[in-house]
Each structure stands twice: as C-alpha cells, then as structure tokens.
Amino acid sequence: MKSLSKPSFHWSVVAMLCGLSASSIGVCINCAGVFYTPVSDALGFLRGSFALNATLAQAAVSLSALFVRRLMDRFSYKRILLFGMVLAAGATALMSLSRNIWLFYLLGFLRGLGAGCFSSVPVTIVLTSWFQKRHGLATSVTLSFSGLAGAVCSPLFTKCIEILGWQAAYLLTAGVMAALVLPALLAPWAVTPQRMGLLPYGGRQGAQKGAFVPQGKFRYGTVSFLALCLMALLHTSIAGIAQHMPGFAESIALTAETGALMMSLSMVGNIATKLLIGLLSDRTGPVKASVVMIFLNAGALGLCIVGGRQANAPLLYLSSFLYGSVYSVGAVGFSLLSRRFFGVENYPKAYSVLSILTTMGSAFSQPLIGYLYDFTGSYLPMFWIALSFHAVDLGLLALVCHRSKKEYRA
C-alpha cells in the first residue's frame, strides 16, 4: 500500500465525481423547474400536478439509496453507472414525446431511478473512502457542481424552450446528462483507493478538529439520529422554493426571464456556499458551519418577502443568490454531519437514510408549493413557513449535539 507524494489522482477522482453530481442533481433535479410553466400551459396541466413528476424523480433517487450502496459492494460500479446513465437519459428523452400526465409520472420515476445510481449517496461514499484529510473541501467542491450545472443549464434550457420548444429542451437535457457521466465511465478509477494500491488523501491523519470519534454499533432508533432525520426532512423541504422562482416572478408581474435569472443566481449561491461550508467545516467543524449557513438562508428568505411585496427585481436577485445557501446544508452539511456524529464506518448506513429524507423533503415540497399558489394565488406564505422550519432546525441540531456524545461516546 502506498500514498502518492503528489496526490493528483485523488483530485482527478473528485473531478469525475463532479460530473456525476452535475448530471444527477444539477441537471436532473435543479433544472426541472424551467419546464413547469411551459409544459403545464401547453398541455393544460395544473402546475402542482405537473411538478409531481419531479417529485417522483426525487423519490426514486432517494429510494435508490437503499440498494445502490449494497450493489457497489457486489458489482463493478462502472456497470451500475452505465445502467443509470442509460435509464436517466433515456427517460428524459422520452419526455419530449409525452402528452399524458401519467406518462410524465412514469418517466420521471425512471429518470430518478437511473440518476440515483450516480447521485449524492454513491458520490459521497466514494469521497469518504478517498479522503480523510480535506474531506470537507472535497465534498463541497464535488457537490457544488450540482449548483454550477443548474446555474449554467437553467437559462440554456429556458432559451431552448423559447426558440425550439419544450420537446427539444428535453432532448438537450438528456444529452447533457449523458455527457457529464461519460468521463467517469471511460477513465480508470476505483470506488476505494485501496483497490488501486493507494492510501486515502491524508493517510491516517483524518480526525476532524474538535470532534469526538464516534464508536459502537450504529442504531437507527437513537434520539440523535432521529432528530437529525427530522432536521433533514424540514430543512430540505425549503429547497423546493428554487424550482418555483420562475413562477414566483411572474406572479408578482415580473418577466419569466427575471424568474429564470433568479433561479440561476440561486444556483450560483449554491456553488459559493457549498464551497464555503466545506472550508468552514475543515476549520471549525460541520456543526458551526451548518449553523452559519442556516442563519444566512433565513436572511435570504426575509429579503425574498420584502422583494416580493415590492416587486423589486434587484433585491430579489440578491435574495436568490443568498438563498442558494439552503443547498449547502442539504447536500454538503448533512453528509459532513453524518460523518461527524456517527463515524466513518457507520457513514453509509446513516447517510443512506438521511439522503432519502433530504431528497423527499425537497421533492414533496415542490407540488405542495405549486398547489399553494394554485389555491391562494400567492407564493409569499411559503417564505414564512420556511423561516419557521429554520427555527425548529436549530433546536434539533442542538439536541443532536447533546445526545450523540452520550449515544456514541468515544
């Protein structure tokens, strides 16, 4: 077993994982909102009803977490990856031919099932194996590409819809998803560095600053784990707001282009704050880093309320950028918190469940927000609900910190 003097190969693995993150989350999930209004208007669907196809996609992504980590132990990951790419891109392409709401639901589920083969669970399992030192930075860089893909592709798909129609935009989406997966399919690498005769980055010097080392058998029924699960569900339900930003802008007499730019700015904020939470986590620990991001997002929601009442586009642009911080905790924070509270050995078990809840929270909030608008004519109540969730989340995180030291004492 050897360690590289210049660990460039470790970071090349990160580069390939960035493509997987961009495809499975950035394109498949974060860009779904640009299709809500044009497809619903063209085919006569309620926005909430059509948004349910994205909910089913996210549900399928989360369900895949139950078996993907086991499949990775039994089969070549590249075979799993190829299957997932073909299924996800193929289902997306077939959406261009659909005119029936039930067919959108079926294809959405298949799309998510395929994307789950290369989403956050397998990606972070690989990162946990390859990195002991700089784990927070590696995780944040990788998952920030989901935001980068959303920022770049949302206006691209919107423009494609305007010029060529939503059918062509679905075909473009499928092509982009497949292209981002190809490097990981073609390059030589393994799920663990040991399979290539290498050590993880940082060797055996991977203890986090200020963290106790969790030990003992992992138990799903502990107070600390259940509290973190509830926090994951509540926090990520706030993330569904981003997909409704185009509709929110139009509801306050702003243009669809304004809404698309808001959505893109939230993806830029997604990138910046994911990088920030990783850096903060490596320096101060994931708990403090997550708290900072929660307060930042609460401030963004407050600005959304003010900007929405005034139809103030510049203020909404600022709030949208800051709102991107919601993804930093949902995607990066819970991964780092799982490793912090339950340890490396228990990480796959703990995070597989948490990833289901983080995905489901975001997924089910999207149609609920759509129905909220359908029946009230306003998106503003969702911001007040989100603020109340943040208050509960902070209390739950404090409970996890207190109980985990007793339940997983070093």
Protein backbone atom coordinates (compact mmCIF):
# COMPACT_ATOMS: atom_id res chain seq x y z
CA MET A 1 0.00 0.00 0.00
CA LYS A 2 1.42 3.39 -0.94
CA SER A 3 0.45 7.02 -0.82
CA LEU A 4 1.08 9.44 -3.68
CA SER A 5 3.67 12.15 -2.99
CA LYS A 6 1.60 14.45 -5.15
CA PRO A 7 -1.99 13.24 -4.63
CA SER A 8 -3.18 14.48 -8.02
CA PHE A 9 -5.02 11.22 -8.67
CA HIS A 10 -7.23 11.78 -5.64
CA TRP A 11 -8.33 15.11 -7.06
CA SER A 12 -8.84 13.60 -10.52
CA VAL A 13 -11.37 11.28 -8.86
CA VAL A 14 -13.04 14.38 -7.46
CA ALA A 15 -13.17 15.85 -10.97
CA MET A 16 -15.02 12.78 -12.29
CA LEU A 17 -17.40 12.84 -9.34
CA CYS A 18 -18.13 16.50 -10.09
CA GLY A 19 -19.59 15.38 -13.43
CA LEU A 20 -21.80 12.81 -11.69
CA SER A 21 -23.04 15.42 -9.22
CA ALA A 22 -23.72 17.91 -12.01
CA SER A 23 -25.71 15.35 -14.00
CA SER A 24 -27.75 13.64 -11.28
CA ILE A 25 -28.55 16.68 -9.15
CA GLY A 26 -27.69 19.78 -11.16
CA VAL A 27 -29.44 18.82 -14.40
CA CYS A 28 -31.93 16.14 -13.38
CA ILE A 29 -33.23 17.84 -10.21
CA ASN A 30 -32.20 21.50 -10.12
CA CYS A 31 -33.29 22.30 -13.70
CA ALA A 32 -36.69 20.61 -13.53
CA GLY A 33 -38.43 23.88 -12.64
CA VAL A 34 -37.84 25.52 -16.03
CA PHE A 35 -40.31 23.04 -17.55
CA TYR A 36 -43.16 23.56 -15.06
CA THR A 37 -44.80 26.62 -16.63
CA PRO A 38 -44.27 25.97 -20.37
CA VAL A 39 -45.32 22.30 -20.28
CA SER A 40 -48.28 22.96 -17.95
CA ASP A 41 -49.51 25.82 -20.14
CA ALA A 42 -49.01 23.87 -23.37
CA LEU A 43 -50.75 20.69 -22.22
CA GLY A 44 -53.32 22.19 -19.83
CA PHE A 45 -51.96 20.75 -16.56
CA LEU A 46 -52.05 22.38 -13.15
CA ARG A 47 -48.54 23.40 -12.16
CA GLY A 48 -48.76 21.42 -8.96
CA SER A 49 -49.88 18.33 -10.86
CA PHE A 50 -47.09 18.55 -13.41
CA ALA A 51 -44.47 19.27 -10.72
CA LEU A 52 -45.33 15.88 -9.26
CA ASN A 53 -43.21 14.24 -11.99
CA ALA A 54 -40.16 15.92 -10.44
CA THR A 55 -41.32 14.72 -7.03
CA LEU A 56 -41.42 11.16 -8.30
CA ALA A 57 -37.96 11.58 -9.82
CA GLN A 58 -36.57 12.74 -6.50
CA ALA A 59 -38.42 9.97 -4.69
CA ALA A 60 -36.79 7.43 -7.00
CA VAL A 61 -33.38 8.99 -6.35
CA SER A 62 -33.92 8.61 -2.63
CA LEU A 63 -35.22 5.05 -2.88
CA SER A 64 -32.17 4.05 -4.89
CA ALA A 65 -30.05 4.87 -1.84
CA LEU A 66 -31.46 1.75 -0.18
CA PHE A 67 -29.82 -0.58 -2.67
CA VAL A 68 -27.07 1.31 -4.54
CA ARG A 69 -24.58 1.10 -1.67
CA ARG A 70 -25.16 -2.67 -1.47
CA LEU A 71 -24.80 -3.05 -5.23
CA MET A 72 -21.50 -1.18 -5.07
CA ASP A 73 -20.15 -3.94 -2.79
CA ARG A 74 -21.21 -6.72 -5.16
CA PHE A 75 -20.80 -5.37 -8.71
CA SER A 76 -18.49 -3.16 -10.70
CA TYR A 77 -19.57 0.42 -10.12
CA LYS A 78 -19.00 1.27 -13.77
CA ARG A 79 -21.68 -1.24 -14.75
CA ILE A 80 -24.06 0.37 -12.28
CA LEU A 81 -23.09 3.77 -13.66
CA LEU A 82 -23.72 2.75 -17.27
CA PHE A 83 -27.14 1.35 -16.40
CA GLY A 84 -28.05 4.52 -14.51
CA MET A 85 -26.91 6.83 -17.31
CA VAL A 86 -28.88 4.98 -20.00
CA LEU A 87 -32.03 4.85 -17.87
CA ALA A 88 -31.89 8.50 -16.74
CA ALA A 89 -31.03 10.00 -20.13
CA GLY A 90 -33.42 7.69 -21.98
CA ALA A 91 -36.39 8.53 -19.77
CA THR A 92 -35.64 12.25 -20.10
CA ALA A 93 -35.52 11.99 -23.89
CA LEU A 94 -38.86 10.15 -23.95
CA MET A 95 -40.47 13.02 -22.03
CA SER A 96 -40.25 15.01 -25.26
CA LEU A 97 -42.82 12.64 -26.78
CA SER A 98 -45.21 12.58 -23.83
CA ARG A 99 -48.61 14.27 -23.79
CA ASN A 100 -50.16 12.35 -20.88
CA ILE A 101 -49.60 13.37 -17.25
CA TRP A 102 -49.33 9.74 -16.15
CA LEU A 103 -46.59 9.06 -18.68
CA PHE A 104 -44.67 12.05 -17.31
CA TYR A 105 -45.01 10.50 -13.85
CA LEU A 106 -43.68 7.12 -15.02
CA LEU A 107 -40.77 8.64 -16.94
CA GLY A 108 -39.99 10.93 -14.02
CA PHE A 109 -39.71 7.94 -11.70
CA LEU A 110 -37.48 6.03 -14.15
CA ARG A 111 -35.36 9.13 -14.66
CA GLY A 112 -34.79 9.44 -10.93
CA LEU A 113 -34.10 5.73 -10.53
CA GLY A 114 -31.31 6.00 -13.08
CA ALA A 115 -29.91 9.22 -11.65
CA GLY A 116 -29.84 7.64 -8.19
CA CYS A 117 -27.06 5.34 -9.41
CA PHE A 118 -24.71 8.34 -9.56
CA SER A 119 -26.24 10.82 -7.11
CA SER A 120 -25.10 12.03 -3.69
CA VAL A 121 -25.09 8.64 -1.89
CA PRO A 122 -22.60 6.81 -4.14
CA VAL A 123 -20.64 10.02 -4.72
CA THR A 124 -20.15 10.74 -1.01
CA ILE A 125 -19.41 7.09 -0.23
CA VAL A 126 -16.53 7.31 -2.72
CA LEU A 127 -15.35 10.61 -1.23
CA THR A 128 -15.40 9.18 2.29
CA SER A 129 -13.17 6.33 1.08
CA TRP A 130 -10.73 8.52 -0.84
CA PHE A 131 -10.35 11.42 1.63
CA GLN A 132 -9.52 11.54 5.32
CA LYS A 133 -7.86 14.95 5.32
CA ARG A 134 -9.63 17.72 3.36
CA HIS A 135 -12.80 15.66 3.31
CA GLY A 136 -14.97 18.76 3.78
CA LEU A 137 -13.33 20.57 0.88
CA ALA A 138 -13.52 17.55 -1.43
CA THR A 139 -17.21 17.04 -0.62
CA SER A 140 -18.10 20.69 -1.05
CA VAL A 141 -16.24 21.02 -4.35
CA THR A 142 -17.91 17.90 -5.75
CA LEU A 143 -21.44 18.76 -4.70
CA SER A 144 -21.06 22.41 -5.68
CA PHE A 145 -21.08 21.26 -9.30
CA SER A 146 -24.76 20.47 -8.93
CA GLY A 147 -25.25 24.20 -8.44
CA LEU A 148 -22.90 25.07 -11.30
CA ALA A 149 -24.84 22.82 -13.65
CA GLY A 150 -28.09 24.40 -12.51
CA ALA A 151 -26.72 27.93 -12.99
CA VAL A 152 -25.47 27.20 -16.50
CA CYS A 153 -28.21 24.91 -17.76
CA SER A 154 -31.33 26.64 -16.40
CA PRO A 155 -31.04 29.67 -18.73
CA LEU A 156 -29.78 27.39 -21.52
CA PHE A 157 -32.86 25.17 -21.32
CA THR A 158 -35.13 28.21 -20.92
CA LYS A 159 -33.74 29.73 -24.11
CA CYS A 160 -34.10 26.39 -25.89
CA ILE A 161 -37.76 26.26 -24.82
CA GLU A 162 -38.34 29.77 -26.18
CA ILE A 163 -36.70 29.08 -29.53
CA LEU A 164 -37.29 25.38 -30.23
CA GLY A 165 -39.98 24.35 -27.75
CA TRP A 166 -40.03 22.25 -24.60
CA GLN A 167 -39.74 18.99 -26.56
CA ALA A 168 -36.32 19.94 -27.92
CA ALA A 169 -35.29 21.14 -24.47
CA TYR A 170 -35.96 17.69 -23.02
CA LEU A 171 -33.74 16.12 -25.71
CA LEU A 172 -31.00 18.62 -24.91
CA THR A 173 -31.35 17.82 -21.22
CA ALA A 174 -30.90 14.11 -21.91
CA GLY A 175 -27.76 14.75 -23.95
CA VAL A 176 -26.20 16.94 -21.28
CA MET A 177 -26.93 14.37 -18.56
CA ALA A 178 -25.21 11.61 -20.54
CA ALA A 179 -22.21 13.75 -21.48
CA LEU A 180 -21.46 14.64 -17.85
CA VAL A 181 -21.34 10.95 -16.86
CA LEU A 182 -19.02 9.81 -19.68
CA PRO A 183 -15.67 10.81 -18.06
CA ALA A 184 -16.36 8.61 -15.03
CA LEU A 185 -17.31 5.73 -17.35
CA LEU A 186 -14.22 5.99 -19.53
CA ALA A 187 -11.45 6.87 -17.06
CA PRO A 188 -9.65 4.22 -14.95
CA TRP A 189 -10.50 4.55 -11.25
CA ALA A 190 -12.00 2.56 -8.36
CA VAL A 191 -14.51 3.11 -5.58
CA THR A 192 -11.76 2.85 -2.93
CA PRO A 193 -8.08 3.87 -3.19
CA GLN A 194 -7.02 0.53 -1.69
CA ARG A 195 -8.19 -1.25 -4.84
CA MET A 196 -5.57 0.77 -6.73
CA GLY A 197 -2.83 0.26 -4.14
CA LEU A 198 -3.20 3.76 -2.70
CA LEU A 199 -3.98 5.31 0.66
CA PRO A 200 -6.76 7.88 1.22
CA TYR A 201 -5.71 11.50 0.99
CA GLY A 202 -4.18 12.44 4.34
CA GLY A 203 -3.26 8.88 5.28
CA ARG A 204 -4.47 8.05 8.74
CA GLN A 205 -4.45 11.62 9.97
CA GLY A 206 -8.12 12.27 9.38
CA ALA A 207 -9.53 13.35 12.75
CA GLN A 208 -11.62 16.49 12.49
CA LYS A 209 -10.80 19.46 14.62
CA GLY A 210 -12.78 19.47 17.84
CA ALA A 211 -14.66 16.27 17.02
CA PHE A 212 -15.03 13.25 19.24
CA VAL A 213 -14.60 9.90 17.48
CA PRO A 214 -17.94 8.04 17.44
CA GLN A 215 -17.74 4.38 18.33
CA GLY A 216 -20.10 1.50 18.88
CA LYS A 217 -22.73 -0.18 16.76
CA PHE A 218 -24.93 2.17 14.79
CA ARG A 219 -28.60 2.23 15.86
CA TYR A 220 -31.39 3.79 13.82
CA GLY A 221 -33.58 4.40 16.87
CA THR A 222 -31.32 6.74 18.83
CA VAL A 223 -32.56 10.21 19.69
CA SER A 224 -29.61 11.83 17.93
CA PHE A 225 -30.22 10.03 14.65
CA LEU A 226 -34.00 10.56 14.69
CA ALA A 227 -33.54 14.25 15.46
CA LEU A 228 -31.07 14.61 12.58
CA CYS A 229 -33.56 12.82 10.32
CA LEU A 230 -36.33 15.26 11.20
CA MET A 231 -33.97 18.18 10.68
CA ALA A 232 -33.02 16.81 7.25
CA LEU A 233 -36.67 16.48 6.24
CA LEU A 234 -37.61 20.00 7.36
CA HIS A 235 -34.54 21.76 6.02
CA THR A 236 -34.64 20.27 2.55
CA SER A 237 -38.35 20.93 2.17
CA ILE A 238 -37.27 24.57 1.92
CA ALA A 239 -35.15 23.75 -1.13
CA GLY A 240 -38.26 23.22 -3.26
CA ILE A 241 -38.74 27.00 -3.39
CA ALA A 242 -35.99 27.39 -6.02
CA GLN A 243 -37.89 25.41 -8.63
CA HIS A 244 -40.82 27.83 -8.36
CA MET A 245 -38.82 31.02 -8.78
CA PRO A 246 -39.85 31.46 -12.46
CA GLY A 247 -43.50 31.16 -11.43
CA PHE A 248 -42.96 33.40 -8.39
CA ALA A 249 -41.53 36.15 -10.59
CA GLU A 250 -44.48 36.02 -12.98
CA SER A 251 -46.95 36.05 -10.07
CA ILE A 252 -45.65 39.49 -8.97
CA ALA A 253 -45.73 40.93 -12.52
CA LEU A 254 -42.07 40.33 -13.35
CA THR A 255 -40.96 38.52 -16.51
CA ALA A 256 -40.19 34.82 -16.96
CA GLU A 257 -36.61 35.82 -17.78
CA THR A 258 -36.38 37.51 -14.37
CA GLY A 259 -37.51 34.30 -12.72
CA ALA A 260 -35.05 32.21 -14.73
CA LEU A 261 -32.24 34.56 -13.69
CA MET A 262 -33.34 34.28 -10.05
CA MET A 263 -33.19 30.51 -10.37
CA SER A 264 -29.72 30.74 -11.91
CA LEU A 265 -28.50 33.10 -9.19
CA SER A 266 -29.70 30.66 -6.55
CA MET A 267 -27.55 28.02 -8.26
CA VAL A 268 -24.56 30.41 -8.18
CA GLY A 269 -25.21 30.90 -4.48
CA ASN A 270 -25.47 27.12 -4.26
CA ILE A 271 -21.92 26.82 -5.61
CA ALA A 272 -20.42 29.57 -3.46
CA THR A 273 -21.96 28.45 -0.18
CA LYS A 274 -21.19 24.77 -0.76
CA LEU A 275 -17.53 25.71 -1.13
CA LEU A 276 -17.80 27.95 1.93
CA ILE A 277 -19.37 25.30 4.16
CA GLY A 278 -16.63 22.83 3.23
CA LEU A 279 -13.90 25.30 4.11
CA LEU A 280 -15.64 26.29 7.34
CA SER A 281 -16.15 22.65 8.26
CA ASP A 282 -12.47 21.81 7.84
CA ARG A 283 -11.56 24.77 10.07
CA THR A 284 -14.32 24.91 12.70
CA GLY A 285 -16.28 21.67 12.31
CA PRO A 286 -19.50 20.85 10.44
CA VAL A 287 -21.85 21.91 13.25
CA LYS A 288 -20.75 25.55 13.36
CA ALA A 289 -20.52 25.64 9.57
CA SER A 290 -24.11 24.40 9.23
CA VAL A 291 -25.42 26.93 11.75
CA VAL A 292 -23.81 29.78 9.79
CA MET A 293 -25.50 28.61 6.60
CA ILE A 294 -28.91 28.30 8.27
CA PHE A 295 -28.76 31.90 9.52
CA LEU A 296 -27.61 33.06 6.08
CA ASN A 297 -30.58 31.34 4.44
CA ALA A 298 -33.01 32.80 6.97
CA GLY A 299 -31.78 36.26 5.99
CA ALA A 300 -32.30 35.42 2.31
CA LEU A 301 -35.90 34.36 2.96
CA GLY A 302 -36.57 37.64 4.71
CA LEU A 303 -35.26 39.55 1.69
CA CYS A 304 -37.50 37.43 -0.58
CA ILE A 305 -40.54 38.54 1.40
CA VAL A 306 -39.61 42.21 1.14
CA GLY A 307 -38.60 41.97 -2.51
CA GLY A 308 -41.75 40.05 -3.41
CA ARG A 309 -44.06 42.62 -1.86
CA GLN A 310 -42.28 45.43 -3.70
CA ALA A 311 -41.71 43.52 -6.96
CA ASN A 312 -38.13 44.69 -6.57
CA ALA A 313 -36.07 42.70 -9.07
CA PRO A 314 -32.57 43.77 -7.85
CA LEU A 315 -33.46 42.84 -4.25
CA LEU A 316 -34.85 39.52 -5.44
CA TYR A 317 -31.62 38.83 -7.34
CA LEU A 318 -29.64 39.36 -4.13
CA SER A 319 -32.02 37.23 -2.09
CA SER A 320 -31.93 34.47 -4.71
CA PHE A 321 -28.13 34.35 -4.58
CA LEU A 322 -28.14 34.13 -0.79
CA TYR A 323 -31.00 31.64 -0.89
CA GLY A 324 -28.62 29.20 -2.58
CA SER A 325 -27.18 28.58 0.88
CA VAL A 326 -30.07 26.18 1.51
CA TYR A 327 -28.31 23.61 -0.65
CA SER A 328 -25.05 23.88 1.28
CA VAL A 329 -26.63 22.25 4.34
CA GLY A 330 -28.92 19.91 2.42
CA ALA A 331 -26.23 18.46 0.17
CA VAL A 332 -22.92 19.00 1.96
CA GLY A 333 -23.85 19.72 5.58
CA PHE A 334 -25.78 16.52 6.28
CA SER A 335 -23.06 14.43 4.69
CA LEU A 336 -20.42 16.03 6.93
CA LEU A 337 -22.68 15.89 9.99
CA SER A 338 -23.29 12.16 9.41
CA ARG A 339 -19.56 11.52 9.38
CA ARG A 340 -19.08 13.76 12.43
CA PHE A 341 -21.79 12.25 14.64
CA PHE A 342 -21.76 8.59 13.57
CA GLY A 343 -18.23 7.95 12.27
CA VAL A 344 -16.71 6.75 9.00
CA GLU A 345 -17.70 3.10 9.50
CA ASN A 346 -21.34 3.98 10.15
CA TYR A 347 -21.46 6.67 7.45
CA PRO A 348 -23.00 4.54 4.63
CA LYS A 349 -25.85 3.37 6.89
CA ALA A 350 -26.58 6.78 8.38
CA TYR A 351 -26.28 8.85 5.23
CA SER A 352 -28.25 6.41 3.08
CA VAL A 353 -31.30 7.08 5.26
CA LEU A 354 -30.61 10.81 5.56
CA SER A 355 -30.26 11.12 1.79
CA ILE A 356 -33.74 9.64 1.37
CA LEU A 357 -35.18 12.24 3.71
CA THR A 358 -33.25 15.14 2.18
CA THR A 359 -34.49 14.15 -1.26
CA MET A 360 -38.05 13.51 -0.15
CA GLY A 361 -38.24 16.80 1.71
CA SER A 362 -37.35 18.75 -1.41
CA ALA A 363 -39.44 16.53 -3.67
CA PHE A 364 -42.75 16.74 -1.82
CA SER A 365 -42.43 20.46 -1.20
CA GLN A 366 -42.43 21.21 -4.93
CA PRO A 367 -46.00 20.12 -5.73
CA LEU A 368 -47.24 21.42 -2.37
CA ILE A 369 -45.86 24.87 -3.18
CA GLY A 370 -47.44 24.62 -6.62
CA TYR A 371 -50.82 23.78 -5.09
CA LEU A 372 -50.37 26.57 -2.55
CA TYR A 373 -50.14 29.01 -5.42
CA ASP A 374 -52.96 27.34 -7.36
CA PHE A 375 -55.38 27.80 -4.46
CA THR A 376 -54.16 31.05 -2.86
CA GLY A 377 -52.72 32.94 -5.82
CA SER A 378 -49.54 33.82 -3.90
CA TYR A 379 -46.13 32.33 -3.24
CA LEU A 380 -45.34 34.58 -0.23
CA PRO A 381 -46.69 32.23 2.50
CA MET A 382 -44.05 29.66 1.63
CA PHE A 383 -41.29 32.03 2.80
CA TRP A 384 -42.87 32.41 6.25
CA ILE A 385 -43.25 28.65 6.55
CA ALA A 386 -39.59 28.21 5.60
CA LEU A 387 -38.48 30.65 8.32
CA SER A 388 -40.36 28.68 10.95
CA PHE A 389 -38.66 25.48 9.78
CA HIS A 390 -35.24 27.09 10.30
CA ALA A 391 -36.08 27.87 13.91
CA VAL A 392 -37.03 24.25 14.53
CA ASP A 393 -33.89 23.02 12.74
CA LEU A 394 -31.58 24.94 15.06
CA GLY A 395 -33.24 23.38 18.08
CA LEU A 396 -32.93 19.89 16.56
CA LEU A 397 -29.24 20.38 15.79
CA ALA A 398 -28.60 21.40 19.40
CA LEU A 399 -30.37 18.22 20.52
CA VAL A 400 -28.24 16.07 18.19
CA CYS A 401 -25.04 17.62 19.56
CA HIS A 402 -26.13 16.89 23.13
CA ARG A 403 -27.42 13.35 22.65
CA SER A 404 -24.81 11.99 20.20
CA LYS A 405 -21.99 12.34 22.73
CA LYS A 406 -23.91 10.09 25.10
CA GLU A 407 -25.12 7.60 22.50
CA TYR A 408 -21.83 7.36 20.56
CA ARG A 409 -19.31 8.16 23.27
CA ALA A 410 -15.64 7.78 22.39
